[in-house]
Amino acid sequence: MVSQFQETKRNNDEEAELECLERMHAATLSMSDFAMAENSVRGGNQNWALLPLCSVLAVKTGHHIAGPNGGFLPGFPQFAGWLGKNSSRGRMMRLLKELNHHMNYQVSADTTELRLLYLPVLREYFMNLMLGKDGPKTDEVIQMMDEYGLDRDDLFENLDQFTLQSNPKRFSDLESKVKAAFTRQYNKGSHKSQALVEEQGITKTAKKKSKPVQSGELDVVNDDAEVEDDEEEDDDLDAEALSKIFKPKGRKPKPKTTKGKKKK
């Protein structure tokens, strides 16, 4: 708000200066009302019913400061624009850290130095070699890439994101046959890029063959099966023994009675 008032003073615009002062006065009154309402809410009275009024007064203060600009200060980004720029910034920071990881074996620089001092120069150098009058110098480009630990994706995709010119030439604008020839030449040799080292390590781990099963290992498996059979037989024997122990005994026969016989 102060910067807007100073700008009107420099332009000698009395009407704009008066309007700015009126908006400052209205914003000050809104801030005073907000302070009184908040004191009633959070002070000794604890009048929480005034909480919606505090929210309205806080927004009202910003509205008076912004003026007829739709609630946004002039020169400040709107939310949608800021969200898109913040997403692009996060993506650029991720790519910059990735390039720093690839080049840190040959370059002792942080991400800021890499962005300002190394990447623009390397990109211009590679572009001049690829777009030379005598045709693309693929071998020199590959040699320089190996010295700095860069791979093909870094050259054709990532470096295009870090330019200091308004309308620079881009690797994505190269002809497809030039890219194909470069890719064939690049795939013929072995390279020192950290990204390729990680990919090769993953590939080797995935292609690891399992050892053939030896006869001794088969015997061990058969022994385990026999042990399981023996355990099942022991369980059956234990069940039979328990059934014999707890088997109910038969009833004893009743003794014969001499009822009905005559004595001699």
C-alpha atoms as a PDB file:
ATOM      1  CA  MET A   1       0.000   0.000   0.000  1.00  0.00           C
ATOM      2  CA  VAL A   2       2.848   2.380   0.819  1.00  0.00           C
ATOM      3  CA  SER A   3       4.518   1.619  -2.510  1.00  0.00           C
ATOM      4  CA  GLN A   4       1.288   2.491  -4.336  1.00  0.00           C
ATOM      5  CA  PHE A   5       1.073   5.816  -2.501  1.00  0.00           C
ATOM      6  CA  GLN A   6       4.708   6.613  -3.303  1.00  0.00           C
ATOM      7  CA  GLU A   7       4.092   5.816  -6.961  1.00  0.00           C
ATOM      8  CA  THR A   8       1.178   8.282  -7.083  1.00  0.00           C
ATOM      9  CA  LYS A   9       3.387  10.916  -5.470  1.00  0.00           C
ATOM     10  CA  ARG A  10       6.066  10.419  -8.116  1.00  0.00           C
ATOM     11  CA  ASN A  11       3.475  10.708 -10.889  1.00  0.00           C
ATOM     12  CA  ASN A  12       1.972  13.890  -9.365  1.00  0.00           C
ATOM     13  CA  ASP A  13      -1.515  12.408  -9.734  1.00  0.00           C
ATOM     14  CA  GLU A  14      -3.590  14.144  -7.044  1.00  0.00           C
ATOM     15  CA  GLU A  15      -6.779  12.162  -7.683  1.00  0.00           C
ATOM     16  CA  ALA A  16      -4.971   8.833  -7.436  1.00  0.00           C
ATOM     17  CA  GLU A  17      -3.167  10.073  -4.332  1.00  0.00           C
ATOM     18  CA  LEU A  18      -6.469  11.063  -2.675  1.00  0.00           C
ATOM     19  CA  GLU A  19      -8.039   7.714  -3.586  1.00  0.00           C
ATOM     20  CA  CYS A  20      -5.078   5.888  -2.130  1.00  0.00           C
ATOM     21  CA  LEU A  21      -5.354   7.861   1.125  1.00  0.00           C
ATOM     22  CA  GLU A  22      -9.074   7.104   1.372  1.00  0.00           C
ATOM     23  CA  ARG A  23      -8.451   3.392   0.918  1.00  0.00           C
ATOM     24  CA  MET A  24      -5.719   3.494   3.553  1.00  0.00           C
ATOM     25  CA  HIS A  25      -8.155   5.203   5.955  1.00  0.00           C
ATOM     26  CA  ALA A  26     -10.882   2.602   5.303  1.00  0.00           C
ATOM     27  CA  ALA A  27      -8.388  -0.240   5.744  1.00  0.00           C
ATOM     28  CA  THR A  28      -7.213   1.270   9.043  1.00  0.00           C
ATOM     29  CA  LEU A  29     -10.780   1.454  10.357  1.00  0.00           C
ATOM     30  CA  SER A  30     -11.361  -2.172   9.356  1.00  0.00           C
ATOM     31  CA  MET A  31      -8.194  -3.218  11.186  1.00  0.00           C
ATOM     32  CA  SER A  32      -9.394  -1.360  14.296  1.00  0.00           C
ATOM     33  CA  ASP A  33     -12.799  -3.049  14.154  1.00  0.00           C
ATOM     34  CA  PHE A  34     -11.083  -6.425  13.691  1.00  0.00           C
ATOM     35  CA  ALA A  35      -8.917  -5.823  16.774  1.00  0.00           C
ATOM     36  CA  MET A  36     -11.967  -4.967  18.913  1.00  0.00           C
ATOM     37  CA  ALA A  37     -13.908  -8.023  17.718  1.00  0.00           C
ATOM     38  CA  GLU A  38     -10.964 -10.350  18.253  1.00  0.00           C
ATOM     39  CA  ASN A  39     -10.441  -8.963  21.755  1.00  0.00           C
ATOM     40  CA  SER A  40     -14.066  -9.789  22.563  1.00  0.00           C
ATOM     41  CA  VAL A  41     -13.618 -13.310  21.207  1.00  0.00           C
ATOM     42  CA  ARG A  42     -10.273 -14.220  22.779  1.00  0.00           C
ATOM     43  CA  GLY A  43     -10.316 -11.879  25.765  1.00  0.00           C
ATOM     44  CA  GLY A  44     -12.160 -12.234  29.036  1.00  0.00           C
ATOM     45  CA  ASN A  45     -15.630 -12.230  27.485  1.00  0.00           C
ATOM     46  CA  GLN A  46     -14.984 -15.295  25.272  1.00  0.00           C
ATOM     47  CA  ASN A  47     -17.755 -14.230  22.901  1.00  0.00           C
ATOM     48  CA  TRP A  48     -17.164 -16.853  20.209  1.00  0.00           C
ATOM     49  CA  ALA A  49     -20.266 -15.773  18.316  1.00  0.00           C
ATOM     50  CA  LEU A  50     -18.203 -12.871  16.910  1.00  0.00           C
ATOM     51  CA  LEU A  51     -15.732 -15.223  15.203  1.00  0.00           C
ATOM     52  CA  PRO A  52     -17.442 -14.997  11.755  1.00  0.00           C
ATOM     53  CA  LEU A  53     -17.350 -11.196  12.085  1.00  0.00           C
ATOM     54  CA  CYS A  54     -13.576 -11.368  12.616  1.00  0.00           C
ATOM     55  CA  SER A  55     -13.216 -13.307   9.363  1.00  0.00           C
ATOM     56  CA  VAL A  56     -15.295 -10.749   7.457  1.00  0.00           C
ATOM     57  CA  LEU A  57     -13.317  -7.808   8.855  1.00  0.00           C
ATOM     58  CA  ALA A  58     -10.001  -9.472   7.957  1.00  0.00           C
ATOM     59  CA  VAL A  59     -11.144  -9.865   4.337  1.00  0.00           C
ATOM     60  CA  LYS A  60     -12.578  -6.327   4.335  1.00  0.00           C
ATOM     61  CA  THR A  61      -9.166  -4.886   5.201  1.00  0.00           C
ATOM     62  CA  GLY A  62      -7.559  -6.564   2.208  1.00  0.00           C
ATOM     63  CA  HIS A  63     -10.391  -5.414  -0.031  1.00  0.00           C
ATOM     64  CA  HIS A  64      -9.825  -1.746   0.880  1.00  0.00           C
ATOM     65  CA  ILE A  65      -6.089  -2.070   0.277  1.00  0.00           C
ATOM     66  CA  ALA A  66      -6.545  -3.736  -3.118  1.00  0.00           C
ATOM     67  CA  GLY A  67      -9.068  -1.212  -4.370  1.00  0.00           C
ATOM     68  CA  PRO A  68     -10.748  -1.828  -7.740  1.00  0.00           C
ATOM     69  CA  ASN A  69      -8.328  -4.641  -8.712  1.00  0.00           C
ATOM     70  CA  GLY A  70     -10.700  -7.466  -7.867  1.00  0.00           C
ATOM     71  CA  GLY A  71      -9.168  -8.249  -4.492  1.00  0.00           C
ATOM     72  CA  PHE A  72      -5.596  -8.677  -5.799  1.00  0.00           C
ATOM     73  CA  LEU A  73      -2.796  -6.201  -5.281  1.00  0.00           C
ATOM     74  CA  PRO A  74      -1.248  -4.830  -8.479  1.00  0.00           C
ATOM     75  CA  GLY A  75       2.011  -6.538  -9.299  1.00  0.00           C
ATOM     76  CA  PHE A  76       1.231  -9.564  -7.148  1.00  0.00           C
ATOM     77  CA  PRO A  77       0.501 -12.972  -8.734  1.00  0.00           C
ATOM     78  CA  GLN A  78      -2.953 -14.459  -8.522  1.00  0.00           C
ATOM     79  CA  PHE A  79      -3.444 -17.878  -6.993  1.00  0.00           C
ATOM     80  CA  ALA A  80      -3.858 -19.852 -10.212  1.00  0.00           C
ATOM     81  CA  GLY A  81      -0.780 -18.264 -11.769  1.00  0.00           C
ATOM     82  CA  TRP A  82       1.249 -18.781  -8.618  1.00  0.00           C
ATOM     83  CA  LEU A  83       0.222 -22.437  -8.415  1.00  0.00           C
ATOM     84  CA  GLY A  84       1.388 -23.103 -11.978  1.00  0.00           C
ATOM     85  CA  LYS A  85       4.675 -21.278 -11.450  1.00  0.00           C
ATOM     86  CA  ASN A  86       5.292 -23.107  -8.193  1.00  0.00           C
ATOM     87  CA  SER A  87       4.750 -26.458  -9.915  1.00  0.00           C
ATOM     88  CA  SER A  88       7.205 -25.492 -12.668  1.00  0.00           C
ATOM     89  CA  ARG A  89       9.708 -24.368 -10.051  1.00  0.00           C
ATOM     90  CA  GLY A  90       9.483 -27.717  -8.263  1.00  0.00           C
ATOM     91  CA  ARG A  91      10.051 -29.574 -11.524  1.00  0.00           C
ATOM     92  CA  MET A  92      13.058 -27.401 -12.408  1.00  0.00           C
ATOM     93  CA  MET A  93      14.587 -27.936  -8.964  1.00  0.00           C
ATOM     94  CA  ARG A  94      14.180 -31.696  -9.348  1.00  0.00           C
ATOM     95  CA  LEU A  95      15.894 -31.676 -12.753  1.00  0.00           C
ATOM     96  CA  LEU A  96      18.672 -29.457 -11.417  1.00  0.00           C
ATOM     97  CA  LYS A  97      19.332 -31.823  -8.509  1.00  0.00           C
ATOM     98  CA  GLU A  98      19.367 -34.745 -10.935  1.00  0.00           C
ATOM     99  CA  LEU A  99      21.965 -33.031 -13.132  1.00  0.00           C
ATOM    100  CA  ASN A 100      23.998 -32.138 -10.063  1.00  0.00           C
ATOM    101  CA  HIS A 101      23.951 -35.791  -9.027  1.00  0.00           C
ATOM    102  CA  HIS A 102      25.190 -36.857 -12.464  1.00  0.00           C
ATOM    103  CA  MET A 103      27.968 -34.241 -12.599  1.00  0.00           C
ATOM    104  CA  ASN A 104      29.174 -34.147  -8.996  1.00  0.00           C
ATOM    105  CA  TYR A 105      31.941 -36.663  -9.727  1.00  0.00           C
ATOM    106  CA  GLN A 106      33.588 -34.163 -12.068  1.00  0.00           C
ATOM    107  CA  VAL A 107      32.238 -30.776 -10.913  1.00  0.00           C
ATOM    108  CA  SER A 108      32.646 -29.292  -7.427  1.00  0.00           C
ATOM    109  CA  ALA A 109      29.719 -26.856  -7.515  1.00  0.00           C
ATOM    110  CA  ASP A 110      26.387 -26.493  -5.801  1.00  0.00           C
ATOM    111  CA  THR A 111      23.086 -26.251  -7.635  1.00  0.00           C
ATOM    112  CA  THR A 112      23.211 -22.444  -7.919  1.00  0.00           C
ATOM    113  CA  GLU A 113      26.688 -22.410  -9.467  1.00  0.00           C
ATOM    114  CA  LEU A 114      25.745 -25.299 -11.707  1.00  0.00           C
ATOM    115  CA  ARG A 115      22.667 -23.453 -12.945  1.00  0.00           C
ATOM    116  CA  LEU A 116      24.385 -20.110 -13.598  1.00  0.00           C
ATOM    117  CA  LEU A 117      27.931 -21.067 -14.617  1.00  0.00           C
ATOM    118  CA  TYR A 118      28.016 -24.599 -16.024  1.00  0.00           C
ATOM    119  CA  LEU A 119      24.731 -25.518 -17.678  1.00  0.00           C
ATOM    120  CA  PRO A 120      24.361 -22.493 -20.018  1.00  0.00           C
ATOM    121  CA  VAL A 121      27.948 -22.862 -21.244  1.00  0.00           C
ATOM    122  CA  LEU A 122      27.692 -26.631 -21.725  1.00  0.00           C
ATOM    123  CA  ARG A 123      24.400 -26.305 -23.513  1.00  0.00           C
ATOM    124  CA  GLU A 124      25.752 -23.680 -25.920  1.00  0.00           C
ATOM    125  CA  TYR A 125      28.854 -25.786 -26.559  1.00  0.00           C
ATOM    126  CA  PHE A 126      26.844 -28.918 -27.339  1.00  0.00           C
ATOM    127  CA  MET A 127      24.450 -26.973 -29.540  1.00  0.00           C
ATOM    128  CA  ASN A 128      27.284 -25.502 -31.612  1.00  0.00           C
ATOM    129  CA  LEU A 129      28.759 -28.973 -32.135  1.00  0.00           C
ATOM    130  CA  MET A 130      25.424 -30.464 -33.183  1.00  0.00           C
ATOM    131  CA  LEU A 131      24.497 -27.581 -35.516  1.00  0.00           C
ATOM    132  CA  GLY A 132      27.907 -26.945 -37.068  1.00  0.00           C
ATOM    133  CA  LYS A 133      28.360 -26.156 -40.746  1.00  0.00           C
ATOM    134  CA  ASP A 134      30.297 -29.388 -41.271  1.00  0.00           C
ATOM    135  CA  GLY A 135      27.516 -31.483 -39.773  1.00  0.00           C
ATOM    136  CA  PRO A 136      27.020 -32.766 -36.249  1.00  0.00           C
ATOM    137  CA  LYS A 137      30.278 -33.687 -34.498  1.00  0.00           C
ATOM    138  CA  THR A 138      28.896 -36.626 -32.619  1.00  0.00           C
ATOM    139  CA  ASP A 139      32.193 -38.017 -31.319  1.00  0.00           C
ATOM    140  CA  GLU A 140      33.206 -34.730 -29.700  1.00  0.00           C
ATOM    141  CA  VAL A 141      29.796 -34.360 -28.092  1.00  0.00           C
ATOM    142  CA  ILE A 142      29.910 -37.885 -26.653  1.00  0.00           C
ATOM    143  CA  GLN A 143      33.438 -37.362 -25.358  1.00  0.00           C
ATOM    144  CA  MET A 144      32.429 -34.165 -23.551  1.00  0.00           C
ATOM    145  CA  MET A 145      29.311 -35.844 -22.164  1.00  0.00           C
ATOM    146  CA  ASP A 146      31.419 -38.656 -20.702  1.00  0.00           C
ATOM    147  CA  GLU A 147      33.787 -36.150 -19.112  1.00  0.00           C
ATOM    148  CA  TYR A 148      30.917 -34.486 -17.252  1.00  0.00           C
ATOM    149  CA  GLY A 149      28.891 -37.643 -16.562  1.00  0.00           C
ATOM    150  CA  LEU A 150      25.897 -36.725 -18.724  1.00  0.00           C
ATOM    151  CA  ASP A 151      23.697 -39.177 -20.593  1.00  0.00           C
ATOM    152  CA  ARG A 152      21.491 -38.856 -23.657  1.00  0.00           C
ATOM    153  CA  ASP A 153      18.394 -37.759 -21.729  1.00  0.00           C
ATOM    154  CA  ASP A 154      20.381 -35.001 -20.046  1.00  0.00           C
ATOM    155  CA  LEU A 155      21.476 -33.692 -23.427  1.00  0.00           C
ATOM    156  CA  PHE A 156      18.208 -33.797 -25.371  1.00  0.00           C
ATOM    157  CA  GLU A 157      15.685 -33.156 -22.589  1.00  0.00           C
ATOM    158  CA  ASN A 158      17.090 -31.712 -19.362  1.00  0.00           C
ATOM    159  CA  LEU A 159      19.528 -29.131 -20.721  1.00  0.00           C
ATOM    160  CA  ASP A 160      16.757 -27.499 -22.756  1.00  0.00           C
ATOM    161  CA  GLN A 161      15.100 -26.455 -19.497  1.00  0.00           C
ATOM    162  CA  PHE A 162      18.048 -24.325 -18.341  1.00  0.00           C
ATOM    163  CA  THR A 163      18.498 -21.449 -20.759  1.00  0.00           C
ATOM    164  CA  LEU A 164      19.281 -17.787 -20.131  1.00  0.00           C
ATOM    165  CA  GLN A 165      18.178 -16.551 -23.556  1.00  0.00           C
ATOM    166  CA  SER A 166      14.699 -15.451 -24.563  1.00  0.00           C
ATOM    167  CA  ASN A 167      14.372 -17.536 -27.763  1.00  0.00           C
ATOM    168  CA  PRO A 168      17.194 -20.084 -27.732  1.00  0.00           C
ATOM    169  CA  LYS A 169      17.755 -22.978 -30.075  1.00  0.00           C
ATOM    170  CA  ARG A 170      16.639 -26.246 -28.551  1.00  0.00           C
ATOM    171  CA  PHE A 171      17.785 -29.839 -28.907  1.00  0.00           C
ATOM    172  CA  SER A 172      14.155 -30.837 -29.347  1.00  0.00           C
ATOM    173  CA  ASP A 173      14.145 -28.917 -32.648  1.00  0.00           C
ATOM    174  CA  LEU A 174      16.859 -31.128 -34.158  1.00  0.00           C
ATOM    175  CA  GLU A 175      15.907 -33.368 -37.044  1.00  0.00           C
ATOM    176  CA  SER A 176      14.875 -36.890 -36.178  1.00  0.00           C
ATOM    177  CA  LYS A 177      17.571 -38.425 -38.396  1.00  0.00           C
ATOM    178  CA  VAL A 178      20.255 -36.453 -36.548  1.00  0.00           C
ATOM    179  CA  LYS A 179      18.944 -37.712 -33.218  1.00  0.00           C
ATOM    180  CA  ALA A 180      18.752 -41.286 -34.500  1.00  0.00           C
ATOM    181  CA  ALA A 181      22.332 -41.179 -35.795  1.00  0.00           C
ATOM    182  CA  PHE A 182      23.529 -39.749 -32.486  1.00  0.00           C
ATOM    183  CA  THR A 183      21.674 -42.438 -30.525  1.00  0.00           C
ATOM    184  CA  ARG A 184      23.210 -45.248 -32.591  1.00  0.00           C
ATOM    185  CA  GLN A 185      26.695 -43.826 -32.136  1.00  0.00           C
ATOM    186  CA  TYR A 186      26.115 -43.277 -28.431  1.00  0.00           C
ATOM    187  CA  ASN A 187      24.880 -46.831 -27.827  1.00  0.00           C
ATOM    188  CA  LYS A 188      27.974 -48.358 -29.407  1.00  0.00           C
ATOM    189  CA  GLY A 189      30.310 -47.395 -26.564  1.00  0.00           C
ATOM    190  CA  SER A 190      30.401 -47.627 -22.778  1.00  0.00           C
ATOM    191  CA  HIS A 191      29.826 -44.472 -20.759  1.00  0.00           C
ATOM    192  CA  LYS A 192      30.458 -43.181 -17.258  1.00  0.00           C
ATOM    193  CA  SER A 193      27.171 -41.463 -16.518  1.00  0.00           C
ATOM    194  CA  GLN A 194      25.907 -42.016 -12.992  1.00  0.00           C
ATOM    195  CA  ALA A 195      22.382 -42.540 -14.314  1.00  0.00           C
ATOM    196  CA  LEU A 196      23.582 -45.289 -16.667  1.00  0.00           C
ATOM    197  CA  VAL A 197      25.577 -46.937 -13.873  1.00  0.00           C
ATOM    198  CA  GLU A 198      22.443 -47.181 -11.739  1.00  0.00           C
ATOM    199  CA  GLU A 199      20.373 -48.556 -14.632  1.00  0.00           C
ATOM    200  CA  GLN A 200      23.033 -51.147 -15.489  1.00  0.00           C
ATOM    201  CA  GLY A 201      23.169 -52.221 -11.848  1.00  0.00           C
ATOM    202  CA  ILE A 202      19.419 -52.763 -11.798  1.00  0.00           C
ATOM    203  CA  THR A 203      19.534 -54.710 -15.071  1.00  0.00           C
ATOM    204  CA  LYS A 204      22.299 -57.004 -13.864  1.00  0.00           C
ATOM    205  CA  THR A 205      20.421 -57.767 -10.690  1.00  0.00           C
ATOM    206  CA  ALA A 206      17.262 -58.587 -12.619  1.00  0.00           C
ATOM    207  CA  LYS A 207      19.067 -60.944 -15.031  1.00  0.00           C
ATOM    208  CA  LYS A 208      20.811 -62.946 -12.316  1.00  0.00           C
ATOM    209  CA  LYS A 209      20.297 -66.658 -13.020  1.00  0.00           C
ATOM    210  CA  SER A 210      19.311 -69.121 -10.344  1.00  0.00           C
ATOM    211  CA  LYS A 211      21.753 -71.903  -9.499  1.00  0.00           C
ATOM    212  CA  PRO A 212      20.915 -75.433 -10.742  1.00  0.00           C
ATOM    213  CA  VAL A 213      19.650 -77.812  -8.123  1.00  0.00           C
ATOM    214  CA  GLN A 214      22.276 -80.374  -7.107  1.00  0.00           C
ATOM    215  CA  SER A 215      21.636 -83.967  -6.203  1.00  0.00           C
ATOM    216  CA  GLY A 216      22.549 -83.290  -2.572  1.00  0.00           C
ATOM    217  CA  GLU A 217      19.834 -80.660  -2.368  1.00  0.00           C
ATOM    218  CA  LEU A 218      17.341 -83.180  -3.752  1.00  0.00           C
ATOM    219  CA  ASP A 219      18.362 -85.643  -1.046  1.00  0.00           C
ATOM    220  CA  VAL A 220      17.725 -83.007   1.576  1.00  0.00           C
ATOM    221  CA  VAL A 221      14.265 -82.426   0.193  1.00  0.00           C
ATOM    222  CA  ASN A 222      13.535 -86.169   0.244  1.00  0.00           C
ATOM    223  CA  ASP A 223      14.813 -86.425   3.812  1.00  0.00           C
ATOM    224  CA  ASP A 224      12.417 -83.714   4.863  1.00  0.00           C
ATOM    225  CA  ALA A 225       9.554 -85.612   3.262  1.00  0.00           C
ATOM    226  CA  GLU A 226      10.576 -88.787   5.103  1.00  0.00           C
ATOM    227  CA  VAL A 227      10.742 -86.907   8.386  1.00  0.00           C
ATOM    228  CA  GLU A 228       7.222 -85.627   7.830  1.00  0.00           C
ATOM    229  CA  ASP A 229       6.000 -89.205   7.146  1.00  0.00           C
ATOM    230  CA  ASP A 230       7.677 -90.446  10.344  1.00  0.00           C
ATOM    231  CA  GLU A 231       6.028 -87.678  12.345  1.00  0.00           C
ATOM    232  CA  GLU A 232       2.622 -88.662  10.964  1.00  0.00           C
ATOM    233  CA  GLU A 233       3.221 -92.333  11.919  1.00  0.00           C
ATOM    234  CA  ASP A 234       4.245 -91.307  15.446  1.00  0.00           C
ATOM    235  CA  ASP A 235       1.070 -89.286  15.783  1.00  0.00           C
ATOM    236  CA  ASP A 236      -0.990 -92.325  14.760  1.00  0.00           C
ATOM    237  CA  LEU A 237       0.773 -94.522  17.337  1.00  0.00           C
ATOM    238  CA  ASP A 238       0.204 -91.965  20.072  1.00  0.00           C
ATOM    239  CA  ALA A 239      -3.477 -91.794  19.196  1.00  0.00           C
ATOM    240  CA  GLU A 240      -3.789 -95.608  19.408  1.00  0.00           C
ATOM    241  CA  ALA A 241      -2.015 -95.688  22.779  1.00  0.00           C
ATOM    242  CA  LEU A 242      -4.283 -93.011  24.193  1.00  0.00           C
ATOM    243  CA  SER A 243      -7.365 -94.805  22.940  1.00  0.00           C
ATOM    244  CA  LYS A 244      -6.243 -97.988  24.730  1.00  0.00           C
ATOM    245  CA  ILE A 245      -5.600 -96.172  27.986  1.00  0.00           C
ATOM    246  CA  PHE A 246      -8.926 -94.383  28.097  1.00  0.00           C
ATOM    247  CA  LYS A 247     -10.959 -97.248  26.605  1.00  0.00           C
ATOM    248  CA  PRO A 248     -13.839 -98.118  28.970  1.00  0.00           C
ATOM    249  CA  LYS A 249     -13.492-101.545  30.525  1.00  0.00           C
ATOM    250  CA  GLY A 250     -16.135-104.222  29.941  1.00  0.00           C
ATOM    251  CA  ARG A 251     -18.649-105.026  32.615  1.00  0.00           C
ATOM    252  CA  LYS A 252     -17.992-108.034  34.866  1.00  0.00           C
ATOM    253  CA  PRO A 253     -20.395-110.997  34.434  1.00  0.00           C
ATOM    254  CA  LYS A 254     -22.954-111.374  37.172  1.00  0.00           C
ATOM    255  CA  PRO A 255     -22.390-114.324  39.528  1.00  0.00           C
ATOM    256  CA  LYS A 256     -24.767-117.260  39.156  1.00  0.00           C
ATOM    257  CA  THR A 257     -27.387-117.539  41.826  1.00  0.00           C
ATOM    258  CA  THR A 258     -28.547-120.810  43.448  1.00  0.00           C
ATOM    259  CA  LYS A 259     -32.109-119.657  43.634  1.00  0.00           C
ATOM    260  CA  GLY A 260     -34.622-122.355  42.846  1.00  0.00           C
ATOM    261  CA  LYS A 261     -32.317-125.337  43.597  1.00  0.00           C
ATOM    262  CA  LYS A 262     -33.230-127.808  46.264  1.00  0.00           C
ATOM    263  CA  LYS A 263     -30.811-129.093  48.851  1.00  0.00           C
ATOM    264  CA  LYS A 264     -30.227-132.746  48.896  1.00  0.00           C
END
